[in-house]
Amino acid sequence: MPSDTSIATGIGAGFVTFVLIKAVRGKAREVHPLMWTVAGLFVIYFALGPIKALLGLG
């Protein structure tokens, strides 16, 4: 996945995308709970930048 920031961003996007695709296809039970946790943490990580910008903290 091409990314102009860091490898962690690409890996995180992959985690989130994998979990979302499984959930949309109705196979959410096949995803390990740890994978759900990691994907959720990456969503929070990705959301922090826009939230800080919105609040004027960044």
PDB file of N, CA and C in Angstrom:
ATOM      1  N   MET A   1       0.853  -1.173   0.000  1.00  0.00           N
ATOM      2  CA  MET A   1       0.000   0.000   0.000  1.00  0.00           C
ATOM      3  C   MET A   1       0.898   1.235   0.000  1.00  0.00           C
ATOM      4  N   PRO A   2       0.814   2.043  -1.035  1.00  0.00           N
ATOM      5  CA  PRO A   2       1.646   3.250  -1.055  1.00  0.00           C
ATOM      6  C   PRO A   2       1.175   4.256  -0.008  1.00  0.00           C
ATOM      7  N   SER A   3       2.103   4.784   0.694  1.00  0.00           N
ATOM      8  CA  SER A   3       1.791   5.755   1.739  1.00  0.00           C
ATOM      9  C   SER A   3       2.935   6.744   1.831  1.00  0.00           C
ATOM     10  N   ASP A   4       2.596   7.993   2.008  1.00  0.00           N
ATOM     11  CA  ASP A   4       3.650   9.003   2.095  1.00  0.00           C
ATOM     12  C   ASP A   4       4.016   9.329   3.537  1.00  0.00           C
ATOM     13  N   THR A   5       3.462   8.600   4.492  1.00  0.00           N
ATOM     14  CA  THR A   5       3.769   8.888   5.896  1.00  0.00           C
ATOM     15  C   THR A   5       4.691   7.828   6.480  1.00  0.00           C
ATOM     16  N   SER A   6       4.149   6.749   6.954  1.00  0.00           N
ATOM     17  CA  SER A   6       4.998   5.721   7.564  1.00  0.00           C
ATOM     18  C   SER A   6       4.434   4.336   7.283  1.00  0.00           C
ATOM     19  N   ILE A   7       5.258   3.348   7.503  1.00  0.00           N
ATOM     20  CA  ILE A   7       4.835   1.965   7.301  1.00  0.00           C
ATOM     21  C   ILE A   7       3.737   1.595   8.306  1.00  0.00           C
ATOM     22  N   ALA A   8       3.771   2.193   9.481  1.00  0.00           N
ATOM     23  CA  ALA A   8       2.746   1.914  10.495  1.00  0.00           C
ATOM     24  C   ALA A   8       1.364   2.339  10.012  1.00  0.00           C
ATOM     25  N   THR A   9       1.297   3.432   9.270  1.00  0.00           N
ATOM     26  CA  THR A   9       0.013   3.888   8.739  1.00  0.00           C
ATOM     27  C   THR A   9      -0.538   2.874   7.744  1.00  0.00           C
ATOM     28  N   GLY A  10       0.314   2.358   6.883  1.00  0.00           N
ATOM     29  CA  GLY A  10      -0.124   1.359   5.917  1.00  0.00           C
ATOM     30  C   GLY A  10      -0.558   0.067   6.576  1.00  0.00           C
ATOM     31  N   ILE A  11       0.189  -0.361   7.582  1.00  0.00           N
ATOM     32  CA  ILE A  11      -0.170  -1.586   8.304  1.00  0.00           C
ATOM     33  C   ILE A  11      -1.487  -1.383   9.046  1.00  0.00           C
ATOM     34  N   GLY A  12      -1.638  -0.242   9.669  1.00  0.00           N
ATOM     35  CA  GLY A  12      -2.882   0.055  10.387  1.00  0.00           C
ATOM     36  C   GLY A  12      -4.079   0.086   9.461  1.00  0.00           C
ATOM     37  N   ALA A  13      -3.910   0.689   8.297  1.00  0.00           N
ATOM     38  CA  ALA A  13      -5.002   0.721   7.322  1.00  0.00           C
ATOM     39  C   ALA A  13      -5.350  -0.695   6.873  1.00  0.00           C
ATOM     40  N   GLY A  14      -4.345  -1.548   6.749  1.00  0.00           N
ATOM     41  CA  GLY A  14      -4.599  -2.936   6.388  1.00  0.00           C
ATOM     42  C   GLY A  14      -5.396  -3.678   7.448  1.00  0.00           C
ATOM     43  N   PHE A  15      -5.052  -3.464   8.703  1.00  0.00           N
ATOM     44  CA  PHE A  15      -5.798  -4.087   9.813  1.00  0.00           C
ATOM     45  C   PHE A  15      -7.260  -3.649   9.788  1.00  0.00           C
ATOM     46  N   VAL A  16      -7.475  -2.345   9.679  1.00  0.00           N
ATOM     47  CA  VAL A  16      -8.838  -1.806   9.698  1.00  0.00           C
ATOM     48  C   VAL A  16      -9.623  -2.306   8.489  1.00  0.00           C
ATOM     49  N   THR A  17      -9.000  -2.297   7.321  1.00  0.00           N
ATOM     50  CA  THR A  17      -9.671  -2.743   6.104  1.00  0.00           C
ATOM     51  C   THR A  17     -10.033  -4.228   6.187  1.00  0.00           C
ATOM     52  N   PHE A  18      -9.123  -5.042   6.680  1.00  0.00           N
ATOM     53  CA  PHE A  18      -9.396  -6.478   6.811  1.00  0.00           C
ATOM     54  C   PHE A  18     -10.616  -6.722   7.695  1.00  0.00           C
ATOM     55  N   VAL A  19     -10.644  -6.074   8.849  1.00  0.00           N
ATOM     56  CA  VAL A  19     -11.757  -6.268   9.787  1.00  0.00           C
ATOM     57  C   VAL A  19     -13.062  -5.761   9.181  1.00  0.00           C
ATOM     58  N   LEU A  20     -13.023  -4.601   8.518  1.00  0.00           N
ATOM     59  CA  LEU A  20     -14.240  -4.058   7.907  1.00  0.00           C
ATOM     60  C   LEU A  20     -14.775  -4.968   6.800  1.00  0.00           C
ATOM     61  N   ILE A  21     -13.879  -5.493   5.976  1.00  0.00           N
ATOM     62  CA  ILE A  21     -14.318  -6.380   4.895  1.00  0.00           C
ATOM     63  C   ILE A  21     -14.952  -7.648   5.469  1.00  0.00           C
ATOM     64  N   LYS A  22     -14.338  -8.221   6.486  1.00  0.00           N
ATOM     65  CA  LYS A  22     -14.912  -9.425   7.114  1.00  0.00           C
ATOM     66  C   LYS A  22     -16.291  -9.113   7.711  1.00  0.00           C
ATOM     67  N   ALA A  23     -16.410  -7.963   8.350  1.00  0.00           N
ATOM     68  CA  ALA A  23     -17.678  -7.598   8.982  1.00  0.00           C
ATOM     69  C   ALA A  23     -18.768  -7.366   7.930  1.00  0.00           C
ATOM     70  N   VAL A  24     -18.437  -6.685   6.847  1.00  0.00           N
ATOM     71  CA  VAL A  24     -19.414  -6.395   5.802  1.00  0.00           C
ATOM     72  C   VAL A  24     -19.861  -7.676   5.098  1.00  0.00           C
ATOM     73  N   ARG A  25     -18.959  -8.623   4.948  1.00  0.00           N
ATOM     74  CA  ARG A  25     -19.299  -9.879   4.269  1.00  0.00           C
ATOM     75  C   ARG A  25     -20.007 -10.872   5.194  1.00  0.00           C
ATOM     76  N   GLY A  26     -20.255 -10.473   6.442  1.00  0.00           N
ATOM     77  CA  GLY A  26     -20.970 -11.343   7.369  1.00  0.00           C
ATOM     78  C   GLY A  26     -20.104 -12.395   8.028  1.00  0.00           C
ATOM     79  N   LYS A  27     -18.804 -12.191   8.014  1.00  0.00           N
ATOM     80  CA  LYS A  27     -17.892 -13.169   8.602  1.00  0.00           C
ATOM     81  C   LYS A  27     -17.153 -12.581   9.804  1.00  0.00           C
ATOM     82  N   ALA A  28     -17.827 -11.737  10.541  1.00  0.00           N
ATOM     83  CA  ALA A  28     -17.201 -11.060  11.676  1.00  0.00           C
ATOM     84  C   ALA A  28     -16.746 -12.048  12.753  1.00  0.00           C
ATOM     85  N   ARG A  29     -17.430 -13.174  12.867  1.00  0.00           N
ATOM     86  CA  ARG A  29     -17.047 -14.165  13.886  1.00  0.00           C
ATOM     87  C   ARG A  29     -15.714 -14.841  13.579  1.00  0.00           C
ATOM     88  N   GLU A  30     -15.273 -14.759  12.326  1.00  0.00           N
ATOM     89  CA  GLU A  30     -13.998 -15.366  11.942  1.00  0.00           C
ATOM     90  C   GLU A  30     -12.802 -14.515  12.363  1.00  0.00           C
ATOM     91  N   VAL A  31     -13.061 -13.274  12.745  1.00  0.00           N
ATOM     92  CA  VAL A  31     -11.982 -12.362  13.123  1.00  0.00           C
ATOM     93  C   VAL A  31     -11.673 -12.551  14.609  1.00  0.00           C
ATOM     94  N   HIS A  32     -10.417 -12.764  14.910  1.00  0.00           N
ATOM     95  CA  HIS A  32      -9.965 -12.968  16.292  1.00  0.00           C
ATOM     96  C   HIS A  32     -10.207 -11.680  17.108  1.00  0.00           C
ATOM     97  N   PRO A  33     -10.585 -11.812  18.382  1.00  0.00           N
ATOM     98  CA  PRO A  33     -10.818 -10.633  19.217  1.00  0.00           C
ATOM     99  C   PRO A  33      -9.614  -9.677  19.291  1.00  0.00           C
ATOM    100  N   LEU A  34      -8.412 -10.220  19.257  1.00  0.00           N
ATOM    101  CA  LEU A  34      -7.227  -9.364  19.275  1.00  0.00           C
ATOM    102  C   LEU A  34      -7.163  -8.503  18.011  1.00  0.00           C
ATOM    103  N   MET A  35      -7.593  -9.059  16.896  1.00  0.00           N
ATOM    104  CA  MET A  35      -7.608  -8.304  15.645  1.00  0.00           C
ATOM    105  C   MET A  35      -8.614  -7.162  15.730  1.00  0.00           C
ATOM    106  N   TRP A  36      -9.768  -7.415  16.344  1.00  0.00           N
ATOM    107  CA  TRP A  36     -10.754  -6.350  16.554  1.00  0.00           C
ATOM    108  C   TRP A  36     -10.157  -5.238  17.422  1.00  0.00           C
ATOM    109  N   THR A  37      -9.437  -5.639  18.470  1.00  0.00           N
ATOM    110  CA  THR A  37      -8.832  -4.667  19.386  1.00  0.00           C
ATOM    111  C   THR A  37      -7.798  -3.811  18.669  1.00  0.00           C
ATOM    112  N   VAL A  38      -6.920  -4.449  17.923  1.00  0.00           N
ATOM    113  CA  VAL A  38      -5.872  -3.714  17.208  1.00  0.00           C
ATOM    114  C   VAL A  38      -6.494  -2.772  16.176  1.00  0.00           C
ATOM    115  N   ALA A  39      -7.492  -3.250  15.449  1.00  0.00           N
ATOM    116  CA  ALA A  39      -8.163  -2.404  14.458  1.00  0.00           C
ATOM    117  C   ALA A  39      -8.835  -1.210  15.136  1.00  0.00           C
ATOM    118  N   GLY A  40      -9.459  -1.442  16.275  1.00  0.00           N
ATOM    119  CA  GLY A  40     -10.087  -0.343  17.017  1.00  0.00           C
ATOM    120  C   GLY A  40      -9.075   0.688  17.485  1.00  0.00           C
ATOM    121  N   LEU A  41      -7.931   0.214  17.941  1.00  0.00           N
ATOM    122  CA  LEU A  41      -6.878   1.136  18.371  1.00  0.00           C
ATOM    123  C   LEU A  41      -6.338   1.951  17.202  1.00  0.00           C
ATOM    124  N   PHE A  42      -6.223   1.329  16.039  1.00  0.00           N
ATOM    125  CA  PHE A  42      -5.778   2.077  14.862  1.00  0.00           C
ATOM    126  C   PHE A  42      -6.815   3.107  14.436  1.00  0.00           C
ATOM    127  N   VAL A  43      -8.095   2.790  14.565  1.00  0.00           N
ATOM    128  CA  VAL A  43      -9.141   3.767  14.242  1.00  0.00           C
ATOM    129  C   VAL A  43      -9.005   4.977  15.157  1.00  0.00           C
ATOM    130  N   ILE A  44      -8.769   4.740  16.435  1.00  0.00           N
ATOM    131  CA  ILE A  44      -8.563   5.840  17.379  1.00  0.00           C
ATOM    132  C   ILE A  44      -7.325   6.634  16.999  1.00  0.00           C
ATOM    133  N   TYR A  45      -6.244   5.936  16.643  1.00  0.00           N
ATOM    134  CA  TYR A  45      -5.007   6.587  16.226  1.00  0.00           C
ATOM    135  C   TYR A  45      -5.236   7.490  15.011  1.00  0.00           C
ATOM    136  N   PHE A  46      -5.989   6.977  14.028  1.00  0.00           N
ATOM    137  CA  PHE A  46      -6.272   7.760  12.826  1.00  0.00           C
ATOM    138  C   PHE A  46      -7.200   8.937  13.121  1.00  0.00           C
ATOM    139  N   ALA A  47      -8.082   8.795  14.095  1.00  0.00           N
ATOM    140  CA  ALA A  47      -9.042   9.849  14.410  1.00  0.00           C
ATOM    141  C   ALA A  47      -8.441  10.969  15.262  1.00  0.00           C
ATOM    142  N   LEU A  48      -7.351  10.707  15.953  1.00  0.00           N
ATOM    143  CA  LEU A  48      -6.781  11.718  16.842  1.00  0.00           C
ATOM    144  C   LEU A  48      -6.349  12.985  16.100  1.00  0.00           C
ATOM    145  N   GLY A  49      -5.749  12.840  14.926  1.00  0.00           N
ATOM    146  CA  GLY A  49      -5.300  14.002  14.163  1.00  0.00           C
ATOM    147  C   GLY A  49      -6.436  14.936  13.804  1.00  0.00           C
ATOM    148  N   PRO A  50      -7.484  14.453  13.152  1.00  0.00           N
ATOM    149  CA  PRO A  50      -8.617  15.325  12.820  1.00  0.00           C
ATOM    150  C   PRO A  50      -9.318  15.904  14.048  1.00  0.00           C
ATOM    151  N   ILE A  51      -9.404  15.135  15.124  1.00  0.00           N
ATOM    152  CA  ILE A  51     -10.059  15.644  16.331  1.00  0.00           C
ATOM    153  C   ILE A  51      -9.237  16.775  16.940  1.00  0.00           C
ATOM    154  N   LYS A  52      -7.915  16.608  16.994  1.00  0.00           N
ATOM    155  CA  LYS A  52      -7.064  17.673  17.507  1.00  0.00           C
ATOM    156  C   LYS A  52      -7.156  18.921  16.635  1.00  0.00           C
ATOM    157  N   ALA A  53      -7.193  18.741  15.335  1.00  0.00           N
ATOM    158  CA  ALA A  53      -7.305  19.882  14.417  1.00  0.00           C
ATOM    159  C   ALA A  53      -8.635  20.588  14.600  1.00  0.00           C
ATOM    160  N   LEU A  54      -9.690  19.820  14.800  1.00  0.00           N
ATOM    161  CA  LEU A  54     -11.019  20.396  14.993  1.00  0.00           C
ATOM    162  C   LEU A  54     -11.069  21.232  16.284  1.00  0.00           C
ATOM    163  N   LEU A  55     -10.408  20.752  17.311  1.00  0.00           N
ATOM    164  CA  LEU A  55     -10.403  21.457  18.601  1.00  0.00           C
ATOM    165  C   LEU A  55      -9.325  22.539  18.685  1.00  0.00           C
ATOM    166  N   GLY A  56      -8.482  22.608  17.672  1.00  0.00           N
ATOM    167  CA  GLY A  56      -7.427  23.607  17.670  1.00  0.00           C
ATOM    168  C   GLY A  56      -6.268  23.265  18.595  1.00  0.00           C
ATOM    169  N   LEU A  57      -6.045  21.997  18.860  1.00  0.00           N
ATOM    170  CA  LEU A  57      -4.985  21.573  19.766  1.00  0.00           C
ATOM    171  C   LEU A  57      -3.707  21.194  19.032  1.00  0.00           C
ATOM    172  N   GLY A  58      -3.766  21.016  17.739  1.00  0.00           N
ATOM    173  CA  GLY A  58      -2.625  20.504  17.017  1.00  0.00           C
ATOM    174  C   GLY A  58      -1.860  21.559  16.345  1.00  0.00           C
TER     175      GLY A  58
END
